[in-house]
Amino acid sequence: MRSILVFIALVALVHDASSKATNGSVRGSITLSAGGKAKSDKKGVVVYLEGVSATVTPPKKHAVIRQREKQFDPPLTIVVKGTTIDFPNEDKIFHNVFSVSRPARFDLGLYKSGTAKSVEMKRAGTVDVYCNIHPEMIAKVKVLENGFYTITGSDGSFAIDNVPAGEYPIVAWLPSGDEAKGTVTVKAGETAEVKLEVSEVAKKETHTRKDGTPYGRYK
């Protein structure tokens, strides 16, 4: 099984000169289970805050999801709203990248090896990305409202710094699991502690072509 890689967009957060004095931090840990049993390796859980009123400038550098050996690389990408993602075809065959997900519906059409097409992610949410020719090609893009997010390490710990004071929903998310939600209160100059539990669900994803029909025999 391929390891899940995550693209972390570099986000410019615009704060006033006194932001460091008025902001706080969020620290915490994730408990991850699968099949009712606790897992020792808890890396790869996306933890983010909702409702933070801060100006976010999407990165000028594009995120990249490559088509390589009839797979998307990486299979999981995390970006903020407004980020552009490039989809270069590095195979020696044609691909047709598409999504019918509500946050980003697009169809890049057939394009050949050595070329690339791009999509701007304008809405927050989860975007399922497929190839209209090869059903085994599956990727997910998690589009977030702001840059207040992080990815857990192997021990399940996480930290989100420079957060404006306030009360916010906090979410722990896995592409193969359930969301865990809570609320965190951030105070100026202080660190809020949070613990969340996430369950991993083993499931095989099935999908149709962009027109809703089953895949044929094309290899």
Protein backbone atom coordinates (compact mmCIF):
# COMPACT_ATOMS: atom_id res chain seq x y z
CA MET A 1 0.00 0.00 0.00
CA ARG A 2 1.36 3.40 -0.94
CA SER A 3 2.02 5.81 1.85
CA ILE A 4 -0.17 8.90 2.02
CA LEU A 5 1.70 12.08 1.24
CA VAL A 6 0.40 15.51 2.12
CA PHE A 7 1.11 18.81 0.39
CA ILE A 8 1.12 21.59 2.97
CA ALA A 9 0.53 24.94 1.31
CA LEU A 10 2.58 27.87 2.56
CA VAL A 11 0.02 30.45 3.53
CA ALA A 12 0.63 34.15 4.18
CA LEU A 13 -1.52 35.26 7.11
CA VAL A 14 -2.00 39.01 7.37
CA HIS A 15 -1.96 40.23 10.97
CA ASP A 16 -1.37 43.61 12.53
CA ALA A 17 1.81 44.46 14.40
CA SER A 18 0.33 43.43 17.76
CA SER A 19 -0.85 39.99 16.59
CA LYS A 20 1.75 38.02 18.56
CA ALA A 21 0.62 39.67 21.78
CA THR A 22 -3.09 39.06 21.13
CA ASN A 23 -2.86 35.54 19.70
CA GLY A 24 -2.56 32.15 21.34
CA SER A 25 -1.78 28.54 20.43
CA VAL A 26 -3.55 25.20 20.23
CA ARG A 27 -1.76 22.02 21.28
CA GLY A 28 -3.16 18.55 21.51
CA SER A 29 -3.10 14.88 20.66
CA ILE A 30 -5.09 12.45 18.55
CA THR A 31 -6.17 8.97 19.57
CA LEU A 32 -6.50 6.86 16.41
CA SER A 33 -8.28 3.50 16.29
CA ALA A 34 -9.08 0.94 13.59
CA GLY A 35 -11.52 -1.90 14.05
CA GLY A 36 -11.98 -0.93 17.68
CA LYS A 37 -8.26 -1.23 18.45
CA ALA A 38 -5.90 1.65 19.17
CA LYS A 39 -3.16 2.30 16.60
CA SER A 40 0.37 3.14 17.67
CA ASP A 41 1.13 5.11 14.50
CA LYS A 42 -1.13 8.19 14.41
CA LYS A 43 0.48 10.24 11.66
CA GLY A 44 -1.40 11.78 8.77
CA VAL A 45 -4.49 13.10 10.59
CA VAL A 46 -5.44 16.59 9.41
CA VAL A 47 -6.37 18.92 12.28
CA TYR A 48 -7.82 22.33 11.48
CA LEU A 49 -9.79 25.25 12.93
CA GLU A 50 -13.00 26.63 11.45
CA GLY A 51 -14.39 30.14 11.66
CA VAL A 52 -11.10 31.98 12.17
CA SER A 53 -11.48 35.56 10.91
CA ALA A 54 -8.05 36.16 9.40
CA THR A 55 -7.07 37.34 5.94
CA VAL A 56 -5.51 34.49 3.97
CA THR A 57 -3.43 34.93 0.84
CA PRO A 58 -3.19 31.67 -1.14
CA PRO A 59 0.38 30.68 -2.04
CA LYS A 60 1.74 31.84 -5.39
CA LYS A 61 3.43 28.47 -5.82
CA HIS A 62 0.97 25.92 -7.14
CA ALA A 63 0.31 22.56 -5.53
CA VAL A 64 1.09 19.62 -7.82
CA ILE A 65 -0.65 16.25 -8.24
CA ARG A 66 1.26 14.16 -10.78
CA GLN A 67 -0.09 11.35 -12.95
CA ARG A 68 2.57 8.72 -12.71
CA GLU A 69 2.38 4.96 -13.42
CA LYS A 70 -1.41 5.22 -13.65
CA GLN A 71 -1.64 6.68 -10.15
CA PHE A 72 -2.06 10.15 -8.67
CA ASP A 73 0.96 11.30 -6.67
CA PRO A 74 0.32 12.29 -3.95
CA PRO A 75 -3.05 10.64 -3.29
CA LEU A 76 -3.90 13.24 -0.65
CA THR A 77 -3.38 17.00 -0.92
CA ILE A 78 -4.25 19.70 1.63
CA VAL A 79 -4.63 23.30 0.42
CA VAL A 80 -6.37 26.53 1.39
CA LYS A 81 -9.23 27.99 -0.64
CA GLY A 82 -7.96 29.85 -3.70
CA THR A 83 -4.95 27.59 -4.26
CA THR A 84 -4.26 26.42 -7.82
CA ILE A 85 -3.35 22.77 -8.36
CA ASP A 86 -1.37 21.59 -11.40
CA PHE A 87 -2.04 18.13 -12.84
CA PRO A 88 0.98 17.17 -15.02
CA ASN A 89 0.79 13.95 -17.03
CA GLU A 90 4.10 12.11 -16.54
CA ASP A 91 2.89 8.83 -18.05
CA LYS A 92 3.38 7.85 -21.69
CA ILE A 93 -0.37 7.51 -22.16
CA PHE A 94 -3.34 9.86 -22.18
CA HIS A 95 -5.27 10.75 -19.02
CA ASN A 96 -8.52 12.62 -18.39
CA VAL A 97 -8.63 14.11 -14.88
CA PHE A 98 -12.05 15.06 -13.53
CA SER A 99 -14.13 15.61 -10.39
CA VAL A 100 -17.86 15.76 -9.78
CA SER A 101 -17.48 16.86 -6.15
CA ARG A 102 -19.57 19.86 -5.13
CA PRO A 103 -16.64 22.08 -3.98
CA ALA A 104 -14.89 21.69 -7.36
CA ARG A 105 -16.51 20.22 -10.46
CA PHE A 106 -14.09 20.05 -13.39
CA ASP A 107 -13.19 18.03 -16.47
CA LEU A 108 -9.69 18.56 -17.86
CA GLY A 109 -10.28 16.42 -20.95
CA LEU A 110 -7.77 14.12 -22.61
CA TYR A 111 -4.17 15.31 -22.55
CA LYS A 112 -0.91 13.66 -23.43
CA SER A 113 2.40 12.91 -21.75
CA GLY A 114 4.53 15.94 -20.91
CA THR A 115 1.60 18.35 -20.65
CA ALA A 116 -0.27 19.72 -17.64
CA LYS A 117 -3.57 21.38 -16.79
CA SER A 118 -4.60 23.34 -13.71
CA VAL A 119 -7.60 23.92 -11.46
CA GLU A 120 -8.18 26.67 -8.87
CA MET A 121 -9.85 25.36 -5.71
CA LYS A 122 -12.39 28.10 -4.98
CA ARG A 123 -14.56 26.43 -2.32
CA ALA A 124 -13.78 24.62 0.92
CA GLY A 125 -14.58 20.92 1.18
CA THR A 126 -13.39 17.48 0.09
CA VAL A 127 -12.73 16.97 -3.61
CA ASP A 128 -12.55 13.44 -5.06
CA VAL A 129 -10.33 13.34 -8.15
CA TYR A 130 -10.45 10.55 -10.76
CA CYS A 131 -9.25 9.66 -14.25
CA ASN A 132 -12.01 8.99 -16.78
CA ILE A 133 -9.92 6.22 -18.38
CA HIS A 134 -8.27 4.44 -15.43
CA PRO A 135 -10.57 3.60 -12.48
CA GLU A 136 -7.64 2.77 -10.19
CA MET A 137 -6.54 6.41 -10.22
CA ILE A 138 -8.04 8.08 -7.13
CA ALA A 139 -6.93 11.17 -5.20
CA LYS A 140 -8.47 13.45 -2.59
CA VAL A 141 -8.01 17.17 -2.09
CA LYS A 142 -9.02 18.73 1.22
CA VAL A 143 -9.68 22.43 0.67
CA LEU A 144 -9.70 24.49 3.89
CA GLU A 145 -11.05 27.97 4.62
CA ASN A 146 -7.86 29.17 6.30
CA GLY A 147 -4.26 28.30 7.06
CA PHE A 148 -4.85 27.28 10.69
CA TYR A 149 -4.21 23.58 10.21
CA THR A 150 -1.55 20.98 10.71
CA ILE A 151 -0.83 17.25 10.22
CA THR A 152 -0.21 14.90 13.13
CA GLY A 153 3.09 13.14 13.64
CA SER A 154 3.51 9.46 14.48
CA ASP A 155 2.74 10.09 18.16
CA GLY A 156 -0.52 11.87 17.29
CA SER A 157 0.59 15.25 18.61
CA PHE A 158 -0.20 18.53 16.85
CA ALA A 159 0.26 22.27 17.25
CA ILE A 160 -1.36 25.30 15.61
CA ASP A 161 0.29 28.61 16.50
CA ASN A 162 -0.50 32.33 16.20
CA VAL A 163 -4.26 31.82 16.45
CA PRO A 164 -6.41 34.93 17.12
CA ALA A 165 -8.15 34.81 20.49
CA GLY A 166 -11.65 33.36 20.31
CA GLU A 167 -13.73 30.19 20.41
CA TYR A 168 -13.52 27.93 17.37
CA PRO A 169 -14.69 24.53 16.11
CA ILE A 170 -11.71 22.17 15.76
CA VAL A 171 -11.81 19.20 13.40
CA ALA A 172 -9.65 16.08 13.05
CA TRP A 173 -10.06 14.47 9.62
CA LEU A 174 -8.86 11.34 7.84
CA PRO A 175 -9.71 10.48 4.22
CA SER A 176 -10.42 6.90 5.35
CA GLY A 177 -12.18 7.71 8.60
CA ASP A 178 -14.76 9.72 10.45
CA GLU A 179 -14.42 13.37 11.38
CA ALA A 180 -13.91 14.17 15.05
CA LYS A 181 -15.15 17.61 16.10
CA GLY A 182 -14.78 19.69 19.21
CA THR A 183 -14.53 23.28 20.39
CA VAL A 184 -11.44 25.11 21.56
CA THR A 185 -11.16 28.48 23.32
CA VAL A 186 -7.98 30.38 22.51
CA LYS A 187 -6.82 33.13 24.87
CA ALA A 188 -4.19 35.75 24.13
CA GLY A 189 -0.70 34.61 25.10
CA GLU A 190 -1.92 31.18 26.26
CA THR A 191 -1.94 27.61 24.96
CA ALA A 192 -5.20 25.67 24.72
CA GLU A 193 -5.00 21.88 25.10
CA VAL A 194 -7.25 19.56 23.08
CA LYS A 195 -7.70 15.78 22.77
CA LEU A 196 -9.66 14.19 19.93
CA GLU A 197 -10.50 10.61 18.94
CA VAL A 198 -10.61 9.47 15.31
CA SER A 199 -11.65 6.10 13.88
CA GLU A 200 -10.03 4.76 10.73
CA VAL A 201 -12.36 2.93 8.36
CA ALA A 202 -11.01 0.38 5.86
CA LYS A 203 -13.07 0.63 2.71
CA LYS A 204 -12.58 0.25 -1.02
CA GLU A 205 -13.81 3.23 -2.98
CA THR A 206 -15.80 2.62 -6.15
CA HIS A 207 -16.89 5.25 -8.65
CA THR A 208 -18.18 5.72 -12.18
CA ARG A 209 -16.89 7.69 -15.14
CA LYS A 210 -17.63 11.40 -15.45
CA ASP A 211 -20.90 10.72 -17.30
CA GLY A 212 -22.11 8.28 -14.62
CA THR A 213 -21.49 5.13 -16.68
CA PRO A 214 -19.32 2.15 -15.57
CA TYR A 215 -15.72 1.88 -16.72
CA GLY A 216 -15.06 -0.24 -19.81
CA ARG A 217 -12.12 -2.44 -20.72
CA TYR A 218 -9.69 0.30 -21.71
CA LYS A 219 -6.22 -0.32 -20.22
